[in-house]
N, C-alpha and C. Protein backbone atom coordinates (compact mmCIF):
# COMPACT_ATOMS: atom_id res chain seq x y z
N MET A 1 77.93 114.44 121.80
CA MET A 1 78.90 114.58 122.40
C MET A 1 79.52 113.13 123.11
N LYS A 2 78.46 112.53 123.99
CA LYS A 2 79.06 111.38 124.74
C LYS A 2 79.12 109.87 123.96
N SER A 3 78.57 110.28 122.83
CA SER A 3 78.02 108.72 122.08
C SER A 3 79.49 108.84 120.91
N ALA A 4 80.12 110.38 120.86
CA ALA A 4 80.96 110.29 120.22
C ALA A 4 82.60 110.55 121.32
N GLN A 5 82.20 110.97 122.62
CA GLN A 5 83.11 110.71 123.17
C GLN A 5 83.81 108.99 123.71
N SER A 6 82.28 108.13 123.51
CA SER A 6 82.13 106.70 124.32
C SER A 6 83.04 106.41 122.87
N PHE A 7 83.33 106.48 121.93
CA PHE A 7 83.62 105.75 120.58
C PHE A 7 85.18 106.27 120.98
N TRP A 8 85.55 107.06 121.35
CA TRP A 8 87.22 107.93 120.73
C TRP A 8 87.82 107.26 122.11
N ASP A 9 87.01 107.07 123.22
CA ASP A 9 87.35 106.53 123.98
C ASP A 9 87.71 104.98 124.06
N LYS A 10 87.52 104.91 123.71
CA LYS A 10 87.32 102.98 123.08
C LYS A 10 88.39 102.92 122.21
N ALA A 11 88.87 103.85 121.06
CA ALA A 11 89.30 103.68 119.84
C ALA A 11 90.88 104.07 120.21
N ALA A 12 91.37 104.56 121.64
CA ALA A 12 92.23 105.65 121.73
C ALA A 12 93.73 104.65 121.56
N PRO A 13 93.39 103.29 122.15
CA PRO A 13 94.73 102.56 122.51
C PRO A 13 94.77 101.71 121.15
N ARG A 14 94.03 101.76 119.83
CA ARG A 14 94.43 101.03 118.80
C ARG A 14 95.09 102.35 117.57
N TYR A 15 94.03 103.72 118.30
CA TYR A 15 94.52 104.95 117.60
C TYR A 15 96.18 105.11 117.92
N ALA A 16 96.18 105.12 118.58
CA ALA A 16 97.78 105.65 119.24
C ALA A 16 98.83 104.28 118.85
N ARG A 17 98.07 103.82 118.46
CA ARG A 17 99.33 102.45 118.09
C ARG A 17 99.28 102.74 116.69
N SER A 18 98.43 102.66 115.65
CA SER A 18 98.06 103.09 113.83
C SER A 18 99.17 104.08 113.82
N PRO A 19 100.11 103.96 112.80
CA PRO A 19 100.74 104.45 111.88
C PRO A 19 100.57 105.37 111.08
N VAL A 20 100.57 106.66 110.84
CA VAL A 20 100.36 107.56 110.19
C VAL A 20 100.51 106.86 108.36
N LYS A 21 99.51 106.74 107.86
CA LYS A 21 99.46 105.84 106.76
C LYS A 21 100.00 106.45 105.26
N ASP A 22 100.31 107.90 105.09
CA ASP A 22 101.01 108.21 104.20
C ASP A 22 101.75 109.94 104.71
N GLN A 23 103.06 109.03 105.07
CA GLN A 23 104.15 109.84 105.73
C GLN A 23 104.27 110.75 104.86
N GLU A 24 104.98 110.47 103.74
CA GLU A 24 104.98 111.83 102.81
C GLU A 24 104.42 112.76 102.85
N SER A 25 102.93 113.05 102.91
CA SER A 25 101.84 114.05 102.75
C SER A 25 101.70 114.74 104.25
N TYR A 26 101.96 113.49 105.12
CA TYR A 26 102.00 114.51 106.47
C TYR A 26 103.12 115.04 106.77
N ARG A 27 104.32 114.53 106.59
CA ARG A 27 105.64 115.92 106.65
C ARG A 27 105.03 117.17 105.64
N LYS A 28 104.31 117.22 104.55
CA LYS A 28 105.10 118.05 103.80
C LYS A 28 103.41 119.41 104.77
N LYS A 29 102.70 118.80 105.09
CA LYS A 29 101.59 119.13 105.86
C LYS A 29 102.35 119.70 107.34
N LEU A 30 103.46 118.84 107.68
CA LEU A 30 103.92 119.52 109.15
C LEU A 30 105.12 120.69 108.64
N ALA A 31 105.32 120.63 107.46
CA ALA A 31 106.35 121.45 107.46
C ALA A 31 105.61 122.89 106.60
N VAL A 32 104.56 122.62 105.90
CA VAL A 32 103.76 123.88 105.25
C VAL A 32 103.35 124.50 107.24
N THR A 33 102.78 124.00 107.78
CA THR A 33 102.54 124.86 109.12
C THR A 33 103.59 125.35 109.83
N GLN A 34 104.54 124.86 109.82
CA GLN A 34 105.88 125.46 110.63
C GLN A 34 106.39 126.63 109.74
N GLY A 35 105.72 126.86 108.89
CA GLY A 35 106.80 127.84 107.63
C GLY A 35 104.99 128.79 108.22
N TYR A 36 104.35 128.74 109.07
CA TYR A 36 103.77 130.21 108.99
C TYR A 36 103.75 130.21 110.90
N LEU A 37 103.90 129.33 111.32
CA LEU A 37 104.62 129.64 112.63
C LEU A 37 105.20 130.36 113.25
N ARG A 38 104.93 130.97 114.10
CA ARG A 38 105.89 131.66 114.62
C ARG A 38 106.38 131.78 116.62
N PRO A 39 107.54 131.91 117.12
CA PRO A 39 108.35 131.62 118.42
C PRO A 39 107.06 131.83 119.45
N ASP A 40 106.56 133.31 118.80
CA ASP A 40 106.04 133.92 120.41
C ASP A 40 104.45 133.63 120.25
N TRP A 41 104.12 132.53 119.47
CA TRP A 41 102.22 132.14 119.04
C TRP A 41 101.83 131.38 120.12
N ARG A 42 100.79 132.04 120.28
CA ARG A 42 99.67 130.97 120.73
C ARG A 42 98.49 130.25 119.96
N VAL A 43 99.14 128.87 120.41
CA VAL A 43 98.00 127.60 119.08
C VAL A 43 97.22 127.14 119.62
N LEU A 44 96.36 126.93 119.23
CA LEU A 44 94.87 125.95 119.44
C LEU A 44 94.97 124.91 118.98
N GLU A 45 94.95 123.28 119.27
CA GLU A 45 94.28 122.66 118.52
C GLU A 45 93.53 122.12 118.61
N PHE A 46 92.45 121.64 117.94
CA PHE A 46 90.65 120.97 119.06
C PHE A 46 90.78 119.66 117.54
N GLY A 47 90.48 118.99 118.55
CA GLY A 47 91.01 117.39 117.93
C GLY A 47 91.87 116.78 117.53
N CYS A 48 92.67 116.99 119.16
CA CYS A 48 94.25 116.62 119.26
C CYS A 48 94.22 115.50 119.31
N GLY A 49 93.64 114.63 119.39
CA GLY A 49 93.67 113.05 119.98
C GLY A 49 94.92 112.67 120.48
N THR A 50 95.97 111.85 120.01
CA THR A 50 96.77 111.80 121.53
C THR A 50 98.17 112.22 120.74
N GLY A 51 97.54 113.75 120.18
CA GLY A 51 98.83 114.56 120.76
C GLY A 51 100.08 114.83 119.99
N SER A 52 100.24 113.98 118.75
CA SER A 52 101.04 113.73 118.03
C SER A 52 101.47 114.92 116.77
N THR A 53 101.07 116.09 116.71
CA THR A 53 101.03 117.31 116.07
C THR A 53 100.90 117.73 116.92
N ALA A 54 100.47 118.39 118.24
CA ALA A 54 100.91 119.43 118.75
C ALA A 54 102.34 119.10 119.55
N ILE A 55 103.34 117.99 119.84
CA ILE A 55 104.38 117.96 120.39
C ILE A 55 105.02 118.40 118.87
N THR A 56 105.03 117.77 117.93
CA THR A 56 105.88 118.26 116.52
C THR A 56 106.17 119.90 116.82
N HIS A 57 104.98 120.33 116.33
CA HIS A 57 104.91 121.71 116.53
C HIS A 57 105.38 122.80 117.65
N ALA A 58 104.96 122.03 119.50
CA ALA A 58 105.62 123.22 120.36
C ALA A 58 106.94 123.56 120.17
N PRO A 59 107.89 122.88 119.79
CA PRO A 59 109.26 123.57 119.82
C PRO A 59 109.30 125.56 118.73
N HIS A 60 108.11 125.07 118.21
CA HIS A 60 108.14 126.37 117.35
C HIS A 60 107.21 127.31 117.47
N VAL A 61 106.61 127.57 118.77
CA VAL A 61 105.38 128.57 119.18
C VAL A 61 105.87 128.27 121.07
N GLY A 62 105.25 129.38 121.37
CA GLY A 62 104.89 130.02 122.39
C GLY A 62 104.90 128.83 123.06
N GLN A 63 102.87 128.70 122.94
CA GLN A 63 101.89 128.06 123.90
C GLN A 63 101.09 127.36 123.04
N ILE A 64 100.99 125.74 123.42
CA ILE A 64 99.64 125.17 122.82
C ILE A 64 98.48 124.90 122.92
N LEU A 65 97.37 125.40 123.62
CA LEU A 65 96.37 124.94 123.91
C LEU A 65 96.01 123.24 123.44
N ALA A 66 95.49 122.63 123.58
CA ALA A 66 95.37 121.21 122.97
C ALA A 66 94.08 120.36 123.49
N ILE A 67 92.84 120.64 122.26
CA ILE A 67 91.43 119.87 123.11
C ILE A 67 91.35 118.53 122.36
N ASP A 68 90.68 117.69 123.55
CA ASP A 68 89.46 116.85 122.74
C ASP A 68 88.45 116.18 123.70
N ILE A 69 88.16 115.68 122.87
CA ILE A 69 86.86 114.85 123.88
C ILE A 69 86.95 114.01 124.66
N SER A 70 88.00 112.67 124.20
CA SER A 70 88.44 111.68 124.81
C SER A 70 88.79 111.78 126.17
N GLY A 71 88.99 111.52 126.72
CA GLY A 71 90.34 111.57 128.00
C GLY A 71 91.00 110.49 127.67
N GLU A 72 90.76 109.93 127.72
CA GLU A 72 90.98 108.40 126.81
C GLU A 72 92.11 108.95 126.64
N MET A 73 92.60 109.38 124.85
CA MET A 73 92.93 110.49 123.97
C MET A 73 94.04 110.96 124.88
N LEU A 74 93.71 112.04 125.62
CA LEU A 74 94.30 113.08 126.27
C LEU A 74 95.41 112.29 127.18
N ALA A 75 94.99 111.07 128.02
CA ALA A 75 96.06 110.89 128.61
C ALA A 75 97.28 109.95 127.61
N ILE A 76 96.88 109.61 126.84
CA ILE A 76 98.14 109.18 126.07
C ILE A 76 98.97 110.21 125.64
N ALA A 77 98.25 111.82 125.30
CA ALA A 77 98.50 112.47 124.66
C ALA A 77 99.78 113.06 125.48
N GLU A 78 99.37 112.99 126.76
CA GLU A 78 100.00 113.65 127.79
C GLU A 78 101.48 112.84 128.24
N GLN A 79 101.24 111.93 128.04
CA GLN A 79 102.22 111.09 128.21
C GLN A 79 103.36 111.07 127.16
N ARG A 80 102.70 111.24 126.51
CA ARG A 80 103.92 111.30 125.21
C ARG A 80 104.71 112.59 125.61
N ALA A 81 104.41 114.05 125.70
CA ALA A 81 104.79 115.26 126.00
C ALA A 81 105.79 114.72 127.15
N ARG A 82 105.23 114.41 127.83
CA ARG A 82 106.12 114.04 129.15
C ARG A 82 107.16 113.40 128.63
N GLU A 83 107.06 112.28 127.70
CA GLU A 83 108.17 111.64 127.80
C GLU A 83 109.22 112.19 126.71
N ALA A 84 108.57 113.19 125.56
CA ALA A 84 109.17 114.27 124.76
C ALA A 84 110.11 115.56 125.75
N GLY A 85 109.93 115.47 126.84
CA GLY A 85 110.27 116.32 127.81
C GLY A 85 109.72 117.77 127.22
N VAL A 86 108.29 117.71 126.85
CA VAL A 86 107.95 119.10 126.21
C VAL A 86 106.80 119.76 126.96
N GLU A 87 107.30 121.35 127.49
CA GLU A 87 106.50 121.49 128.51
C GLU A 87 105.51 122.49 128.21
N ASN A 88 105.24 123.08 126.67
CA ASN A 88 104.68 124.05 126.71
C ASN A 88 102.85 123.62 125.61
N ILE A 89 102.95 122.63 125.95
CA ILE A 89 101.62 121.92 125.91
C ILE A 89 100.50 122.03 126.95
N ARG A 90 99.49 122.69 126.93
CA ARG A 90 98.49 122.16 128.25
C ARG A 90 97.23 121.59 127.71
N PHE A 91 96.92 120.27 127.82
CA PHE A 91 95.82 119.31 127.35
C PHE A 91 94.68 119.41 128.10
N GLN A 92 93.57 120.01 127.75
CA GLN A 92 92.28 119.88 127.96
C GLN A 92 91.28 119.15 127.04
N ARG A 93 90.35 118.73 128.53
CA ARG A 93 88.96 117.87 127.52
C ARG A 93 87.83 118.76 126.99
N GLY A 94 87.29 118.65 126.02
CA GLY A 94 86.46 120.23 126.14
C GLY A 94 86.44 119.91 124.41
N THR A 95 85.14 120.98 124.34
CA THR A 95 84.92 121.18 122.48
C THR A 95 85.22 122.33 122.21
N LEU A 96 85.28 123.11 120.95
CA LEU A 96 85.40 124.76 120.99
C LEU A 96 83.97 125.04 121.38
N ASP A 97 82.73 124.68 121.71
CA ASP A 97 81.75 125.23 122.20
C ASP A 97 82.03 125.51 123.97
N SER A 98 82.86 124.15 124.26
CA SER A 98 82.92 124.27 125.38
C SER A 98 84.10 125.11 125.95
N LEU A 99 84.73 125.28 124.77
CA LEU A 99 85.99 126.54 125.69
C LEU A 99 86.11 127.73 126.11
N GLY A 100 86.46 128.10 127.12
CA GLY A 100 86.22 128.64 127.85
C GLY A 100 87.56 130.01 127.18
N GLU A 101 87.48 130.50 125.98
CA GLU A 101 88.47 131.53 125.56
C GLU A 101 88.23 133.01 125.32
N GLU A 102 88.62 133.84 125.33
CA GLU A 102 88.10 134.85 124.73
C GLU A 102 88.56 134.96 123.31
N ALA A 103 87.51 135.71 122.43
CA ALA A 103 87.56 136.23 120.98
C ALA A 103 89.03 136.60 120.90
N GLU A 104 89.49 136.41 119.86
CA GLU A 104 90.80 137.13 119.35
C GLU A 104 92.06 136.52 120.47
N GLY A 105 91.92 135.19 121.09
CA GLY A 105 93.28 134.83 121.64
C GLY A 105 93.74 133.93 121.15
N PHE A 106 94.10 133.57 119.63
CA PHE A 106 95.46 132.75 119.32
C PHE A 106 95.62 133.36 117.97
N ASP A 107 96.80 133.24 117.86
CA ASP A 107 97.38 133.61 116.38
C ASP A 107 97.42 132.65 115.40
N ALA A 108 97.43 131.27 115.81
CA ALA A 108 97.18 130.16 114.56
C ALA A 108 95.78 128.80 115.45
N VAL A 109 95.24 128.23 114.90
CA VAL A 109 93.79 127.25 115.48
C VAL A 109 94.51 126.15 114.66
N LEU A 110 94.33 124.91 115.02
CA LEU A 110 94.55 123.41 114.28
C LEU A 110 93.69 123.26 114.24
N GLY A 111 92.85 122.48 113.51
CA GLY A 111 92.18 121.13 112.90
C GLY A 111 92.36 120.16 111.82
N LEU A 112 92.20 119.38 112.40
CA LEU A 112 93.49 118.68 111.51
C LEU A 112 92.33 116.53 111.13
N ASN A 113 91.93 116.46 110.56
CA ASN A 113 91.32 115.78 110.24
C ASN A 113 90.04 115.31 111.19
N ILE A 114 89.53 116.47 111.37
CA ILE A 114 88.13 116.75 112.80
C ILE A 114 86.70 117.32 111.93
N LEU A 115 86.96 118.16 110.94
CA LEU A 115 86.32 118.81 110.86
C LEU A 115 84.98 117.87 110.05
N HIS A 116 85.41 117.09 109.14
CA HIS A 116 84.57 115.78 109.05
C HIS A 116 84.14 114.80 110.05
N LEU A 117 84.12 115.13 111.30
CA LEU A 117 83.76 114.46 112.73
C LEU A 117 82.85 115.15 113.28
N LEU A 118 82.81 116.58 112.89
CA LEU A 118 81.70 117.10 114.01
C LEU A 118 80.33 117.37 113.15
N GLU A 119 79.20 117.24 113.95
CA GLU A 119 77.78 117.62 113.62
C GLU A 119 77.51 118.99 112.94
N ASP A 120 78.16 119.97 113.41
CA ASP A 120 78.36 121.11 112.95
C ASP A 120 79.53 121.51 112.57
N ALA A 121 79.97 121.70 111.30
CA ALA A 121 81.35 121.97 110.82
C ALA A 121 81.34 123.30 110.68
N GLU A 122 80.18 124.17 110.06
CA GLU A 122 80.38 125.07 109.82
C GLU A 122 80.01 125.99 111.59
N GLY A 123 79.38 125.73 112.05
CA GLY A 123 79.32 126.21 113.73
C GLY A 123 80.69 126.41 113.82
N ALA A 124 81.51 124.87 114.16
CA ALA A 124 82.99 125.35 114.22
C ALA A 124 84.06 126.32 113.70
N ILE A 125 83.71 126.14 112.20
CA ILE A 125 84.26 127.08 111.69
C ILE A 125 84.11 128.46 111.52
N ALA A 126 83.03 128.90 112.03
CA ALA A 126 82.68 130.54 112.95
C ALA A 126 83.28 130.57 114.07
N ARG A 127 83.36 129.59 115.02
CA ARG A 127 83.99 129.58 116.03
C ARG A 127 85.59 129.54 116.10
N VAL A 128 86.26 129.17 115.63
CA VAL A 128 87.20 129.39 114.73
C VAL A 128 87.42 130.68 114.76
N ALA A 129 86.54 131.45 113.76
CA ALA A 129 87.14 132.88 112.89
C ALA A 129 87.06 133.86 114.22
N ASP A 130 86.06 133.36 115.39
CA ASP A 130 86.15 134.18 116.29
C ASP A 130 87.54 134.35 117.70
N LEU A 131 88.19 133.00 117.93
CA LEU A 131 88.59 132.82 118.27
C LEU A 131 90.37 133.69 117.91
N LEU A 132 90.36 133.63 116.55
CA LEU A 132 92.06 133.84 115.66
C LEU A 132 91.90 135.27 116.10
N LYS A 133 92.98 135.75 116.43
CA LYS A 133 93.71 137.00 115.74
C LYS A 133 93.46 137.93 114.42
N PRO A 134 93.18 138.61 114.77
CA PRO A 134 93.21 139.19 113.10
C PRO A 134 94.51 139.23 112.65
N GLY A 135 94.85 138.56 110.98
CA GLY A 135 95.85 137.75 111.13
C GLY A 135 96.42 136.95 110.79
N GLY A 136 95.81 135.81 111.77
CA GLY A 136 95.83 134.57 112.59
C GLY A 136 95.59 133.77 110.83
N VAL A 137 95.73 132.28 111.82
CA VAL A 137 95.77 131.35 110.31
C VAL A 137 94.58 129.76 111.16
N PHE A 138 94.11 129.69 110.73
CA PHE A 138 93.45 128.06 110.38
C PHE A 138 94.51 127.32 109.89
N VAL A 139 94.53 126.19 109.94
CA VAL A 139 95.35 124.96 109.21
C VAL A 139 94.21 124.05 109.90
N SER A 140 93.69 123.27 108.50
CA SER A 140 93.20 121.73 108.51
C SER A 140 93.51 121.08 107.23
N SER A 141 92.89 119.90 107.89
CA SER A 141 93.26 119.37 107.17
C SER A 141 91.82 118.49 107.04
N THR A 142 91.04 117.94 106.00
CA THR A 142 89.82 117.41 105.66
C THR A 142 89.57 116.17 104.62
N ALA A 143 88.35 115.26 105.36
CA ALA A 143 88.11 114.16 104.75
C ALA A 143 87.05 114.77 104.08
N LEU A 144 87.27 114.62 102.51
CA LEU A 144 85.42 115.08 101.67
C LEU A 144 84.89 114.11 101.65
N ILE A 145 84.25 113.71 102.95
CA ILE A 145 83.41 112.09 102.87
C ILE A 145 82.12 112.20 101.80
N GLY A 146 82.14 113.35 101.50
CA GLY A 146 81.27 113.96 100.02
C GLY A 146 82.03 113.27 98.21
N GLU A 147 83.50 113.36 98.44
CA GLU A 147 83.41 113.30 97.58
C GLU A 147 84.61 111.41 97.27
N VAL A 148 83.94 111.06 98.09
CA VAL A 148 84.18 109.52 98.44
C VAL A 148 84.26 108.44 97.34
N LYS A 149 84.37 107.79 96.40
CA LYS A 149 83.13 106.63 95.82
C LYS A 149 81.99 106.13 96.49
N PRO A 150 80.64 106.17 95.66
CA PRO A 150 79.57 105.91 95.91
C PRO A 150 79.47 104.80 97.24
N HIS A 151 80.40 103.85 96.87
CA HIS A 151 80.36 102.31 97.38
C HIS A 151 80.82 102.81 99.08
N TRP A 152 81.59 103.42 98.87
CA TRP A 152 82.03 103.49 100.51
C TRP A 152 81.53 104.56 101.14
N ARG A 153 80.69 105.14 100.75
CA ARG A 153 79.97 106.39 101.59
C ARG A 153 78.25 105.33 102.03
N LEU A 154 77.51 104.68 101.40
CA LEU A 154 77.48 103.81 101.35
C LEU A 154 77.49 102.57 103.11
N LEU A 155 78.96 102.16 102.81
CA LEU A 155 79.58 101.14 103.58
C LEU A 155 79.28 101.93 105.30
N ILE A 156 79.13 103.17 105.51
CA ILE A 156 79.31 104.48 106.12
C ILE A 156 78.42 103.53 107.40
N PRO A 157 76.78 103.53 106.93
CA PRO A 157 76.17 103.59 107.48
C PRO A 157 76.07 102.15 108.54
N LEU A 158 76.70 101.61 107.67
CA LEU A 158 76.36 99.78 107.95
C LEU A 158 77.61 100.01 109.55
N MET A 159 78.95 100.83 109.33
CA MET A 159 80.11 100.60 110.28
C MET A 159 79.78 100.79 111.34
N GLN A 160 79.07 102.02 111.07
CA GLN A 160 78.06 103.06 112.37
C GLN A 160 77.28 102.35 113.01
N SER A 161 76.31 101.05 112.30
CA SER A 161 75.69 100.38 113.55
C SER A 161 75.89 99.32 114.01
N LEU A 162 77.74 99.62 113.55
CA LEU A 162 78.26 98.22 114.07
C LEU A 162 78.97 98.62 115.15
N GLY A 163 79.09 99.93 115.19
CA GLY A 163 80.21 100.78 115.85
C GLY A 163 81.26 100.96 115.82
N LEU A 164 81.39 100.85 114.30
CA LEU A 164 83.16 100.77 113.81
C LEU A 164 83.55 101.82 113.48
N ALA A 165 82.62 102.80 113.56
CA ALA A 165 82.42 104.05 112.85
C ALA A 165 82.24 105.20 113.82
N PRO A 166 82.63 106.87 113.33
CA PRO A 166 82.00 107.71 114.35
C PRO A 166 81.20 108.14 113.48
N HIS A 167 80.46 109.35 114.02
CA HIS A 167 79.96 110.37 113.10
C HIS A 167 80.71 110.76 112.16
N VAL A 168 80.19 111.02 111.00
CA VAL A 168 80.87 111.96 110.25
C VAL A 168 79.88 112.38 109.13
N SER A 169 80.33 114.04 108.34
CA SER A 169 79.41 114.75 107.74
C SER A 169 80.05 114.37 106.40
N ARG A 170 79.17 114.85 105.48
CA ARG A 170 79.32 114.21 104.18
C ARG A 170 79.41 115.60 103.31
N LEU A 171 80.51 116.43 103.91
CA LEU A 171 81.13 117.71 103.43
C LEU A 171 81.71 117.76 101.96
N ASP A 172 82.05 118.15 100.97
CA ASP A 172 82.03 118.35 99.89
C ASP A 172 83.26 119.30 99.56
N LYS A 173 84.68 120.13 98.73
CA LYS A 173 85.34 120.78 98.59
C LYS A 173 84.48 122.32 98.91
N PRO A 174 83.51 122.02 97.65
CA PRO A 174 82.65 123.37 97.55
C PRO A 174 81.97 124.17 99.11
N GLN A 175 81.70 122.65 99.49
CA GLN A 175 80.80 123.27 100.88
C GLN A 175 82.15 123.79 101.95
N LEU A 176 82.76 123.59 101.84
CA LEU A 176 83.94 123.48 102.36
C LEU A 176 84.81 124.61 102.09
N LEU A 177 84.90 125.10 101.22
CA LEU A 177 84.77 126.25 101.04
C LEU A 177 84.30 127.80 101.26
N ALA A 178 82.54 127.39 100.82
CA ALA A 178 82.19 128.28 101.31
C ALA A 178 81.56 128.39 102.80
N MET A 179 81.99 127.35 103.73
CA MET A 179 81.86 127.80 105.41
C MET A 179 83.15 128.39 105.50
N LEU A 180 84.08 128.74 105.17
CA LEU A 180 84.94 129.11 105.62
C LEU A 180 85.52 130.81 105.09
N SER A 181 85.03 130.79 104.24
CA SER A 181 84.33 132.05 103.29
C SER A 181 83.42 133.03 103.83
N GLU A 182 82.22 132.28 104.22
CA GLU A 182 80.88 132.57 105.58
C GLU A 182 81.73 133.50 106.70
N ALA A 183 82.95 132.30 107.14
CA ALA A 183 82.92 132.92 108.75
C ALA A 183 83.69 133.90 108.15
N GLY A 184 84.29 134.35 107.22
CA GLY A 184 84.92 135.57 106.98
C GLY A 184 86.74 135.50 106.54
N LEU A 185 86.89 134.18 106.63
CA LEU A 185 88.71 133.41 106.29
C LEU A 185 89.05 133.66 105.08
N VAL A 186 90.05 134.05 104.46
CA VAL A 186 90.43 133.55 103.34
C VAL A 186 91.59 132.90 102.96
N ILE A 187 91.76 131.81 101.80
CA ILE A 187 92.53 130.93 101.62
C ILE A 187 94.02 131.14 101.55
N ASP A 188 94.75 130.99 102.04
CA ASP A 188 96.46 131.45 101.81
C ASP A 188 97.05 130.27 101.00
N TYR A 189 96.65 129.28 101.89
CA TYR A 189 97.56 128.32 101.16
C TYR A 189 96.28 126.61 100.35
N GLU A 190 96.56 125.90 99.74
CA GLU A 190 95.25 124.96 99.34
C GLU A 190 96.55 123.56 98.74
N TRP A 191 95.76 123.01 99.61
CA TRP A 191 96.89 121.09 99.07
C TRP A 191 95.81 119.99 98.83
N GLN A 192 95.80 119.00 98.11
CA GLN A 192 94.83 118.85 97.93
C GLN A 192 95.63 117.46 97.09
N PRO A 193 95.93 116.11 98.02
CA PRO A 193 96.83 115.47 97.92
C PRO A 193 95.90 113.94 97.50
N LYS A 194 94.77 114.12 97.21
CA LYS A 194 93.55 112.84 96.86
C LYS A 194 93.05 114.01 96.65
N ARG A 195 91.79 113.29 95.79
CA ARG A 195 90.83 113.57 95.77
C ARG A 195 90.05 113.50 96.71
N ALA A 196 89.75 112.92 98.30
CA ALA A 196 88.90 113.23 99.29
C ALA A 196 89.24 113.64 100.32
N SER A 197 90.64 114.50 99.63
CA SER A 197 91.30 115.26 101.16
C SER A 197 91.78 116.56 100.77
N LEU A 198 91.59 117.49 101.86
CA LEU A 198 92.02 118.83 101.38
C LEU A 198 92.99 119.37 102.43
N PHE A 199 93.84 119.75 102.15
CA PHE A 199 94.60 120.51 103.57
C PHE A 199 94.59 121.63 103.06
N LEU A 200 94.47 123.20 103.83
CA LEU A 200 94.40 124.04 103.91
C LEU A 200 95.20 125.30 104.74
N VAL A 201 95.27 126.47 104.70
CA VAL A 201 95.35 127.53 105.11
C VAL A 201 94.91 128.54 105.26
N ALA A 202 93.45 128.90 106.43
CA ALA A 202 93.08 130.15 105.83
C ALA A 202 93.15 131.32 106.88
N ARG A 203 93.33 132.89 106.52
CA ARG A 203 93.60 133.49 107.58
C ARG A 203 92.64 134.14 107.84
N LYS A 204 92.71 134.95 108.81
CA LYS A 204 91.85 136.03 109.37
C LYS A 204 92.20 137.39 109.17
N PRO A 205 91.60 138.17 107.97
CA PRO A 205 92.35 139.46 107.48
C PRO A 205 92.27 139.98 108.56
N GLU A 206 93.52 140.89 108.37
CA GLU A 206 93.97 141.47 109.57
C GLU A 206 92.70 143.00 109.13
N VAL A 207 92.80 143.67 110.79
CA VAL A 207 91.75 145.11 110.84
C VAL A 207 91.95 145.96 110.10
N ARG A 208 91.10 146.64 109.08
CA ARG A 208 91.44 148.22 108.52
C ARG A 208 91.27 149.34 109.25
N ARG A 209 91.97 150.04 109.29
CA ARG A 209 92.19 151.36 109.98
C ARG A 209 91.58 152.10 108.98
């Protein structure tokens, strides 16, 4: 975790200045997500970065807990929230594993552009399923590194050795869908704007009586 934390702390100022590359896709993802959100919901976002998405969704829910491993990212996120007048987000440094929250404490969990950066994506998804209330949703957007062109995959180790890229997992779509299914989550919405990018909303089934 420490090396990843250092990488993202260093990258935070540049990351904050970088515009979203595909604004149209980003706006669609926001709209789809907000179609699920409810005013009384408690939401968790892990890997929240500089907080832009959490701040955008804040008016549509009751509370958001937004976590990240990078203190520098969170400092920028907190400043942005203050400037936007948003008061229902709590930013906290940490990971899903270090999160001291009880099971079934959230109506929705957001994991956006983060699963492929984790060393244990399967464990993270299982933890998400544990944290979700029955009927809750997991919204994810994932770079499918296993499906990018081979020459890009070959470049990744070189970029990592130069400190220009973080850890990435070479997930593909079948692997990701299998992880969600194994965790007991059911796909409710699927959109793949590009071959190597997958946006999903997965629901935790209601408890049967």
